Amino acid sequence: MNTEHDWISTPVTADILRGFLDVERTAHGLLPHRLPVRARRQVPDDQLAMAEAQPSGVRLAFRTRATTIELDTLPTKRIYRGLPAPADGVYDLLVDGRLAAQATVTGGNVRMIDMASQSVELREGPVGTARFTHLPAGDKGVEIWLPHTEITELIALRTDAPVERAPDSGRKVWLHHGSSISHGSNAAHPTAIWPALAAARGGVELVNLGFGGGALVDPFTARAMRDTPADLISLKIGINVVNTDAMRLRAFVPAVHGFLDTIREGHPTTPLLVVSPILCPVQEDTPGPLAPDFDGGSLRFKATGDPAERAAGRLTLDIIRDELARIVEQRAADDPNLHHLDGRDLYGEADYAELPLPDEIHPDPAGHRRIAENFARLAFGNGGPFATETTWPESRSAS
């Protein structure tokens, strides 16, 4: 902690957080969660437990005249055995909606993951500080977006001027559920994940339930969405069902119906957009499961299923897209606020030729921008299911 200022300490509480569904008091501080405790008790694997605790889209929001801000956190970082350690997660500080500063936190806990054996080793580390200096003078709205791929326990907030809770923005709340791409995999920083970029363009408040490896039509996720206040809802589902080989066609169709039924219990007339998977050549016509491929010294993925088994109900992305379109068309006859978007309109063959998927599954930062631009145009733009009067002409955060 720097001592050159007369610091004002503000307790980190749920009142100054946005984009979360629950908080947990730990031995160190406050841990935001993106699934409520009831759902977390039903999570069947460590993958989803880790993903929902990574605060993608979660941010502190307050007003202050401070020009220097410090946030103490205890991050938990992932390292995959045999691969280089990733860079420290980025904290984005926005002033009145625009990216003004960035910081990282060194140290913290490390989860060493062995993808071959699926074993996990936790190595404990120290608390660190994200420090932001030379911020604009005067009263301003501040948001600090937490690293989207690091579990982040919030310890202390210090400023050189008083902090006030940010008032309600009055903007619509967009509740989104998806897989690792929605979570932000391969994005450069937290406001550069495609849902954050699209939310900025649409002028809405994001609640991001994108879970790496965890968009599996789980009933507990549907119940969490049912119980979460929202003005706009989207589901981007299918890729994880295929690449985990989690279910066959017979199970997938009623699971999607049940997921939608549950959401409609809490949001009977809310605009609800079902988005099928973006183009992913390795899984278009080949069933899962997906397997890591380390040939060439970098992590890539390949599908290992047998295309001949599609006739027996094995799922591919082509099949998933057809089924999602059919389900929405069938239900929309009685649900005029239910809509469908083919994921290839967000990222298709032309996009793949220009911006290929580095690991064959996830887009790079430019790919996130492309998906966000297309989603904002198709969902928030004129005639889109989420059309608003406050759509931004361009993203408010740098990418």
Protein backbone atom coordinates (compact mmCIF):
# COMPACT_ATOMS: atom_id res chain seq x y z
CA MET A 1 0.00 0.00 0.00
CA ASN A 2 1.25 3.45 -0.94
CA THR A 3 1.30 5.93 1.99
CA GLU A 4 1.77 9.25 0.16
CA HIS A 5 -1.98 10.02 0.24
CA ASP A 6 -4.47 10.63 3.01
CA TRP A 7 -6.40 7.51 2.10
CA ILE A 8 -10.12 6.99 2.57
CA SER A 9 -11.06 3.34 2.96
CA THR A 10 -14.48 2.24 1.68
CA PRO A 11 -15.84 -1.21 2.57
CA VAL A 12 -16.24 -3.42 -0.48
CA THR A 13 -19.85 -4.54 -0.31
CA ALA A 14 -22.47 -5.80 -2.72
CA ASP A 15 -23.86 -2.24 -2.90
CA ILE A 16 -20.99 -1.12 -5.13
CA LEU A 17 -20.93 -4.24 -7.31
CA ARG A 18 -22.72 -4.87 -10.61
CA GLY A 19 -22.95 -7.89 -12.88
CA PHE A 20 -23.03 -10.52 -10.11
CA LEU A 21 -25.74 -12.84 -8.74
CA ASP A 22 -24.32 -13.58 -5.29
CA VAL A 23 -21.43 -12.74 -2.96
CA GLU A 24 -19.58 -14.89 -0.47
CA ARG A 25 -17.68 -13.70 2.60
CA THR A 26 -14.34 -15.54 2.66
CA ALA A 27 -11.51 -15.51 5.17
CA HIS A 28 -9.92 -12.73 3.09
CA GLY A 29 -12.76 -10.56 1.77
CA LEU A 30 -15.72 -10.57 -0.60
CA LEU A 31 -15.94 -13.09 -3.45
CA PRO A 32 -18.45 -12.29 -6.24
CA HIS A 33 -20.28 -15.23 -7.80
CA ARG A 34 -22.19 -15.46 -11.06
CA LEU A 35 -24.43 -18.27 -9.83
CA PRO A 36 -26.47 -18.16 -6.60
CA VAL A 37 -25.62 -20.48 -3.72
CA ARG A 38 -28.50 -22.85 -4.49
CA ALA A 39 -27.13 -23.40 -7.98
CA ARG A 40 -23.54 -23.73 -6.75
CA ARG A 41 -24.58 -26.60 -4.50
CA GLN A 42 -25.73 -28.45 -7.62
CA VAL A 43 -22.66 -27.77 -9.77
CA PRO A 44 -21.32 -31.21 -10.73
CA ASP A 45 -17.71 -30.42 -11.62
CA ASP A 46 -14.72 -28.24 -10.80
CA GLN A 47 -14.75 -26.69 -14.28
CA LEU A 48 -18.06 -24.88 -13.79
CA ALA A 49 -17.32 -24.11 -10.13
CA MET A 50 -14.18 -22.30 -11.27
CA ALA A 51 -15.86 -20.58 -14.23
CA GLU A 52 -18.81 -19.12 -12.33
CA ALA A 53 -16.45 -17.67 -9.69
CA GLN A 54 -14.38 -15.91 -12.36
CA PRO A 55 -15.96 -12.45 -12.47
CA SER A 56 -16.55 -11.97 -16.18
CA GLY A 57 -18.60 -8.80 -16.49
CA VAL A 58 -18.48 -8.07 -12.74
CA ARG A 59 -17.44 -4.53 -11.83
CA LEU A 60 -17.31 -2.06 -8.97
CA ALA A 61 -19.36 1.07 -9.67
CA PHE A 62 -19.23 4.31 -7.69
CA ARG A 63 -18.91 8.08 -7.94
CA THR A 64 -15.88 9.96 -6.64
CA ARG A 65 -13.57 12.93 -7.15
CA ALA A 66 -10.56 10.70 -6.52
CA THR A 67 -7.56 10.89 -8.82
CA THR A 68 -5.84 7.86 -7.26
CA ILE A 69 -7.54 4.56 -6.47
CA GLU A 70 -6.17 1.34 -4.99
CA LEU A 71 -7.99 -1.99 -4.91
CA ASP A 72 -6.51 -4.86 -2.89
CA THR A 73 -7.48 -8.30 -4.17
CA LEU A 74 -6.52 -11.93 -3.85
CA PRO A 75 -6.60 -13.40 -7.36
CA THR A 76 -6.66 -17.10 -8.15
CA LYS A 77 -4.98 -17.73 -11.49
CA ARG A 78 -4.95 -20.76 -13.79
CA ILE A 79 -1.86 -22.39 -15.22
CA TYR A 80 -2.05 -25.47 -17.42
CA ARG A 81 0.79 -27.89 -16.85
CA GLY A 82 3.14 -27.95 -19.83
CA LEU A 83 2.02 -24.56 -21.19
CA PRO A 84 3.45 -21.09 -20.52
CA ALA A 85 1.80 -19.20 -17.68
CA PRO A 86 -0.72 -16.64 -18.97
CA ALA A 87 -0.23 -12.95 -18.34
CA ASP A 88 -1.73 -11.50 -15.18
CA GLY A 89 -5.38 -10.59 -15.52
CA VAL A 90 -6.25 -6.99 -16.36
CA TYR A 91 -8.40 -4.60 -14.31
CA ASP A 92 -10.15 -2.03 -16.52
CA LEU A 93 -11.06 1.32 -14.96
CA LEU A 94 -13.74 3.27 -16.83
CA VAL A 95 -14.48 6.95 -16.19
CA ASP A 96 -17.99 7.95 -17.24
CA GLY A 97 -18.17 4.87 -19.44
CA ARG A 98 -14.81 5.18 -21.18
CA LEU A 99 -11.65 3.18 -20.55
CA ALA A 100 -9.26 5.46 -18.65
CA ALA A 101 -6.70 3.17 -16.98
CA GLN A 102 -5.64 -0.44 -16.57
CA ALA A 103 -3.75 -2.35 -13.91
CA THR A 104 -2.73 -5.88 -12.95
CA VAL A 105 -2.23 -7.68 -9.66
CA THR A 106 0.82 -9.88 -9.22
CA GLY A 107 0.98 -12.79 -6.82
CA GLY A 108 -2.17 -14.49 -5.63
CA ASN A 109 -3.14 -18.14 -5.63
CA VAL A 110 -2.36 -20.46 -8.54
CA ARG A 111 -4.42 -23.42 -9.72
CA MET A 112 -2.11 -25.80 -11.57
CA ILE A 113 -4.29 -27.87 -13.92
CA ASP A 114 -3.14 -31.06 -15.61
CA MET A 115 -5.39 -31.49 -18.65
CA ALA A 116 -4.26 -35.07 -19.20
CA SER A 117 -5.12 -36.33 -15.72
CA GLN A 118 -7.69 -33.62 -14.87
CA SER A 119 -5.91 -33.12 -11.55
CA VAL A 120 -5.73 -29.69 -9.87
CA GLU A 121 -3.12 -28.43 -7.43
CA LEU A 122 -3.71 -25.17 -5.50
CA ARG A 123 -0.70 -23.08 -4.52
CA GLU A 124 -1.53 -20.23 -2.14
CA GLY A 125 -0.07 -16.75 -2.64
CA PRO A 126 -0.27 -13.19 -1.32
CA VAL A 127 -2.78 -10.38 -1.71
CA GLY A 128 -1.86 -7.73 -4.29
CA THR A 129 -2.95 -4.24 -5.31
CA ALA A 130 -4.38 -2.79 -8.51
CA ARG A 131 -3.34 0.88 -8.52
CA PHE A 132 -4.80 3.61 -10.74
CA THR A 133 -3.23 7.08 -10.73
CA HIS A 134 -3.59 10.43 -12.52
CA LEU A 135 -7.32 9.99 -13.04
CA PRO A 136 -9.31 13.02 -14.24
CA ALA A 137 -10.17 15.54 -11.54
CA GLY A 138 -13.75 16.31 -10.65
CA ASP A 139 -16.81 14.26 -9.85
CA LYS A 140 -17.15 11.23 -12.11
CA GLY A 141 -18.65 7.79 -12.44
CA VAL A 142 -16.03 5.06 -12.01
CA GLU A 143 -16.29 1.39 -12.88
CA ILE A 144 -13.54 -1.15 -12.19
CA TRP A 145 -14.09 -4.28 -14.28
CA LEU A 146 -12.47 -7.32 -12.70
CA PRO A 147 -10.30 -9.78 -14.66
CA HIS A 148 -12.64 -12.10 -16.53
CA THR A 149 -10.47 -15.21 -16.13
CA GLU A 150 -9.21 -14.83 -12.54
CA ILE A 151 -11.23 -15.66 -9.44
CA THR A 152 -11.00 -12.38 -7.52
CA GLU A 153 -11.53 -11.91 -3.79
CA LEU A 154 -12.04 -8.22 -3.03
CA ILE A 155 -10.12 -7.12 0.07
CA ALA A 156 -10.00 -3.31 0.34
CA LEU A 157 -10.79 -0.15 -1.64
CA ARG A 158 -8.81 3.05 -0.98
CA THR A 159 -9.21 6.45 -2.61
CA ASP A 160 -7.87 9.97 -2.10
CA ALA A 161 -11.43 11.37 -2.06
CA PRO A 162 -14.76 10.08 -0.73
CA VAL A 163 -16.73 7.41 -2.60
CA GLU A 164 -20.48 7.37 -3.14
CA ARG A 165 -22.58 4.53 -4.44
CA ALA A 166 -23.36 5.02 -8.13
CA PRO A 167 -27.01 5.77 -8.81
CA ASP A 168 -29.09 3.45 -10.96
CA SER A 169 -28.13 4.11 -14.57
CA GLY A 170 -31.70 3.72 -15.76
CA ARG A 171 -30.48 1.52 -18.59
CA LYS A 172 -32.03 -1.82 -19.46
CA VAL A 173 -30.44 -4.92 -17.94
CA TRP A 174 -29.24 -7.53 -20.45
CA LEU A 175 -28.89 -11.03 -18.98
CA HIS A 176 -26.77 -13.26 -21.21
CA HIS A 177 -25.79 -16.93 -20.93
CA GLY A 178 -23.18 -18.63 -23.05
CA SER A 179 -20.00 -20.69 -23.14
CA SER A 180 -16.29 -19.82 -23.04
CA ILE A 181 -16.52 -17.32 -25.89
CA SER A 182 -19.19 -15.39 -23.97
CA HIS A 183 -17.04 -15.79 -20.85
CA GLY A 184 -14.27 -14.01 -22.76
CA SER A 185 -11.78 -16.69 -23.71
CA ASN A 186 -8.78 -15.12 -25.54
CA ALA A 187 -10.10 -11.57 -25.09
CA ALA A 188 -7.37 -9.10 -24.12
CA HIS A 189 -9.10 -7.49 -21.12
CA PRO A 190 -12.49 -7.54 -19.38
CA THR A 191 -14.27 -4.78 -21.31
CA ALA A 192 -13.04 -6.34 -24.58
CA ILE A 193 -15.04 -9.56 -24.22
CA TRP A 194 -17.73 -9.55 -26.89
CA PRO A 195 -20.72 -9.27 -24.49
CA ALA A 196 -19.16 -6.22 -22.82
CA LEU A 197 -18.45 -4.59 -26.18
CA ALA A 198 -21.99 -5.35 -27.38
CA ALA A 199 -23.50 -4.04 -24.14
CA ALA A 200 -21.58 -0.79 -24.55
CA ARG A 201 -22.87 -0.39 -28.09
CA GLY A 202 -26.40 -1.23 -26.99
CA GLY A 203 -26.34 1.12 -24.01
CA VAL A 204 -27.39 -1.62 -21.57
CA GLU A 205 -26.20 -3.01 -18.23
CA LEU A 206 -24.62 -6.45 -18.68
CA VAL A 207 -25.08 -9.47 -16.43
CA ASN A 208 -22.84 -12.08 -18.04
CA LEU A 209 -23.50 -15.75 -17.31
CA GLY A 210 -20.98 -16.94 -19.88
CA PHE A 211 -19.23 -19.95 -18.34
CA GLY A 212 -16.17 -21.53 -19.96
CA GLY A 213 -17.14 -25.14 -20.63
CA GLY A 214 -20.38 -24.67 -18.69
CA ALA A 215 -23.18 -23.87 -21.15
CA LEU A 216 -24.75 -27.32 -20.91
CA VAL A 217 -28.46 -26.50 -20.62
CA ASP A 218 -28.24 -27.04 -16.87
CA PRO A 219 -31.55 -26.66 -14.99
CA PHE A 220 -29.86 -24.75 -12.14
CA THR A 221 -28.64 -22.12 -14.61
CA ALA A 222 -32.14 -21.78 -16.03
CA ARG A 223 -33.53 -21.27 -12.52
CA ALA A 224 -30.86 -18.65 -11.80
CA MET A 225 -31.88 -16.77 -14.95
CA ARG A 226 -35.57 -17.14 -14.07
CA ASP A 227 -34.95 -15.47 -10.72
CA THR A 228 -32.67 -12.65 -11.98
CA PRO A 229 -34.28 -9.31 -12.86
CA ALA A 230 -33.70 -8.54 -16.54
CA ASP A 231 -35.16 -6.51 -19.40
CA LEU A 232 -33.45 -8.48 -22.18
CA ILE A 233 -32.29 -12.12 -22.17
CA SER A 234 -30.13 -14.12 -24.57
CA LEU A 235 -28.91 -17.71 -24.63
CA LYS A 236 -25.95 -18.77 -26.74
CA ILE A 237 -26.00 -22.53 -26.44
CA GLY A 238 -24.86 -25.65 -28.25
CA ILE A 239 -21.08 -25.70 -28.58
CA ASN A 240 -20.41 -27.13 -25.10
CA VAL A 241 -23.07 -29.80 -25.59
CA VAL A 242 -21.20 -30.96 -28.70
CA ASN A 243 -17.62 -30.65 -27.51
CA THR A 244 -18.28 -32.46 -24.23
CA ASP A 245 -20.47 -35.05 -26.00
CA ALA A 246 -22.86 -34.43 -23.13
CA MET A 247 -26.11 -35.67 -24.66
CA ARG A 248 -27.74 -37.07 -27.75
CA LEU A 249 -30.45 -35.45 -29.86
CA ARG A 250 -33.24 -37.19 -27.92
CA ALA A 251 -32.10 -35.54 -24.67
CA PHE A 252 -31.06 -32.19 -26.13
CA VAL A 253 -34.42 -31.14 -27.58
CA PRO A 254 -36.49 -31.54 -24.39
CA ALA A 255 -33.63 -30.06 -22.36
CA VAL A 256 -33.80 -26.86 -24.42
CA HIS A 257 -37.59 -26.76 -24.10
CA GLY A 258 -37.27 -27.21 -20.34
CA PHE A 259 -34.62 -24.48 -20.12
CA LEU A 260 -36.87 -22.05 -21.97
CA ASP A 261 -39.92 -23.09 -19.93
CA THR A 262 -38.06 -22.33 -16.72
CA ILE A 263 -36.90 -18.90 -17.87
CA ARG A 264 -40.42 -18.05 -18.99
CA GLU A 265 -41.72 -18.82 -15.48
CA GLY A 266 -39.95 -15.68 -14.27
CA HIS A 267 -39.86 -13.67 -17.51
CA PRO A 268 -43.04 -14.51 -19.41
CA THR A 269 -42.86 -11.64 -21.92
CA THR A 270 -39.23 -10.45 -21.77
CA PRO A 271 -37.49 -10.37 -25.18
CA LEU A 272 -35.61 -13.69 -25.29
CA LEU A 273 -33.05 -14.38 -28.01
CA VAL A 274 -31.74 -17.90 -28.67
CA VAL A 275 -28.37 -17.81 -30.43
CA SER A 276 -26.89 -20.91 -32.05
CA PRO A 277 -23.11 -21.57 -32.20
CA ILE A 278 -20.75 -19.50 -34.31
CA LEU A 279 -18.83 -21.24 -37.07
CA CYS A 280 -16.34 -23.75 -35.69
CA PRO A 281 -15.00 -25.94 -38.51
CA VAL A 282 -13.64 -28.75 -36.33
CA GLN A 283 -17.12 -29.41 -34.91
CA GLU A 284 -19.44 -28.49 -37.78
CA ASP A 285 -19.99 -32.07 -38.93
CA THR A 286 -17.91 -34.08 -36.44
CA PRO A 287 -19.30 -35.02 -33.02
CA GLY A 288 -17.35 -34.58 -29.81
CA PRO A 289 -15.79 -35.05 -27.45
CA LEU A 290 -13.19 -32.38 -28.01
CA ALA A 291 -9.59 -33.17 -27.13
CA PRO A 292 -6.53 -30.94 -26.63
CA ASP A 293 -3.83 -31.15 -29.28
CA PHE A 294 -0.35 -29.96 -28.29
CA ASP A 295 1.32 -30.68 -31.64
CA GLY A 296 3.32 -27.66 -32.72
CA GLY A 297 3.96 -26.39 -29.20
CA SER A 298 0.67 -24.55 -28.74
CA LEU A 299 -2.72 -25.65 -27.48
CA ARG A 300 -5.26 -26.42 -30.16
CA PHE A 301 -8.38 -28.57 -30.10
CA LYS A 302 -9.71 -31.34 -32.29
CA ALA A 303 -12.98 -33.25 -32.44
CA THR A 304 -12.67 -36.99 -31.82
CA GLY A 305 -16.17 -38.29 -32.58
CA ASP A 306 -17.25 -40.37 -35.57
CA PRO A 307 -19.41 -38.49 -38.12
CA ALA A 308 -21.08 -41.78 -39.03
CA GLU A 309 -22.77 -41.78 -35.61
CA ARG A 310 -24.85 -38.70 -36.40
CA ALA A 311 -27.59 -41.04 -37.58
CA ALA A 312 -27.70 -42.51 -34.06
CA GLY A 313 -28.26 -39.11 -32.47
CA ARG A 314 -24.70 -37.88 -31.93
CA LEU A 315 -24.71 -34.10 -32.08
CA THR A 316 -22.77 -31.72 -34.30
CA LEU A 317 -23.04 -27.97 -34.68
CA ASP A 318 -25.02 -28.29 -37.89
CA ILE A 319 -27.57 -30.48 -36.13
CA ILE A 320 -27.72 -28.17 -33.09
CA ARG A 321 -28.37 -25.12 -35.26
CA ASP A 322 -31.20 -26.83 -37.14
CA GLU A 323 -32.82 -27.96 -33.89
CA LEU A 324 -32.57 -24.57 -32.19
CA ALA A 325 -34.11 -22.86 -35.21
CA ARG A 326 -36.93 -25.42 -35.27
CA ILE A 327 -37.58 -25.15 -31.51
CA VAL A 328 -37.78 -21.35 -31.62
CA GLU A 329 -40.02 -21.36 -34.68
CA GLN A 330 -42.37 -23.84 -33.00
CA ARG A 331 -42.54 -21.94 -29.71
CA ALA A 332 -42.71 -18.47 -31.25
CA ALA A 333 -46.22 -19.25 -32.50
CA ASP A 334 -47.34 -18.78 -28.88
CA ASP A 335 -44.43 -16.60 -27.70
CA PRO A 336 -43.99 -13.54 -29.93
CA ASN A 337 -41.11 -12.26 -27.78
CA LEU A 338 -38.98 -15.33 -28.49
CA HIS A 339 -36.39 -14.87 -31.25
CA HIS A 340 -33.62 -16.84 -32.98
CA LEU A 341 -30.23 -15.79 -34.32
CA ASP A 342 -27.96 -18.08 -36.32
CA GLY A 343 -24.51 -17.84 -34.74
CA ARG A 344 -22.87 -17.85 -38.16
CA ASP A 345 -24.33 -14.37 -38.65
CA LEU A 346 -22.05 -13.32 -35.79
CA TYR A 347 -19.01 -15.22 -37.06
CA GLY A 348 -19.22 -17.23 -40.26
CA GLU A 349 -17.10 -18.46 -43.14
CA ALA A 350 -15.96 -15.03 -44.30
CA ASP A 351 -15.02 -14.08 -40.74
CA TYR A 352 -13.10 -17.34 -40.28
CA ALA A 353 -11.16 -16.68 -43.48
CA GLU A 354 -10.22 -13.21 -42.25
CA LEU A 355 -9.93 -13.89 -38.51
CA PRO A 356 -9.26 -17.62 -38.00
CA LEU A 357 -9.73 -19.21 -34.57
CA PRO A 358 -6.20 -19.51 -33.10
CA ASP A 359 -6.95 -22.73 -31.22
CA GLU A 360 -9.75 -23.85 -33.59
CA ILE A 361 -12.40 -23.06 -30.96
CA HIS A 362 -12.04 -19.53 -29.56
CA PRO A 363 -11.74 -16.18 -31.39
CA ASP A 364 -8.85 -13.78 -30.83
CA PRO A 365 -9.41 -10.18 -29.65
CA ALA A 366 -10.29 -9.06 -33.18
CA GLY A 367 -12.77 -11.92 -33.37
CA HIS A 368 -14.44 -10.73 -30.16
CA ARG A 369 -14.82 -7.28 -31.71
CA ARG A 370 -16.33 -8.77 -34.86
CA ILE A 371 -18.87 -10.83 -32.90
CA ALA A 372 -19.78 -7.80 -30.78
CA GLU A 373 -20.26 -5.58 -33.83
CA ASN A 374 -22.50 -8.12 -35.50
CA PHE A 375 -24.51 -8.82 -32.35
CA ALA A 376 -25.03 -5.13 -31.68
CA ARG A 377 -26.23 -4.59 -35.24
CA LEU A 378 -28.53 -7.62 -35.33
CA ALA A 379 -29.87 -7.54 -31.75
CA PHE A 380 -29.71 -3.90 -30.64
CA GLY A 381 -29.98 -2.25 -34.04
CA ASN A 382 -33.11 -1.05 -35.79
CA GLY A 383 -35.59 -3.90 -36.09
CA GLY A 384 -33.60 -6.15 -33.76
CA PRO A 385 -35.23 -7.97 -30.85
CA PHE A 386 -33.31 -5.79 -28.35
CA ALA A 387 -33.65 -2.47 -30.19
CA THR A 388 -33.35 0.46 -27.79
CA GLU A 389 -33.34 4.22 -28.10
CA THR A 390 -29.92 4.44 -26.43
CA THR A 391 -27.81 2.31 -28.78
CA TRP A 392 -24.27 3.67 -28.82
CA PRO A 393 -22.71 4.38 -32.23
CA GLU A 394 -19.43 2.87 -31.08
CA SER A 395 -17.98 0.95 -28.16
CA ARG A 396 -17.34 3.06 -25.07
CA SER A 397 -14.31 1.01 -24.07
CA ALA A 398 -11.06 0.60 -25.91
CA SER A 399 -10.21 -2.78 -27.31
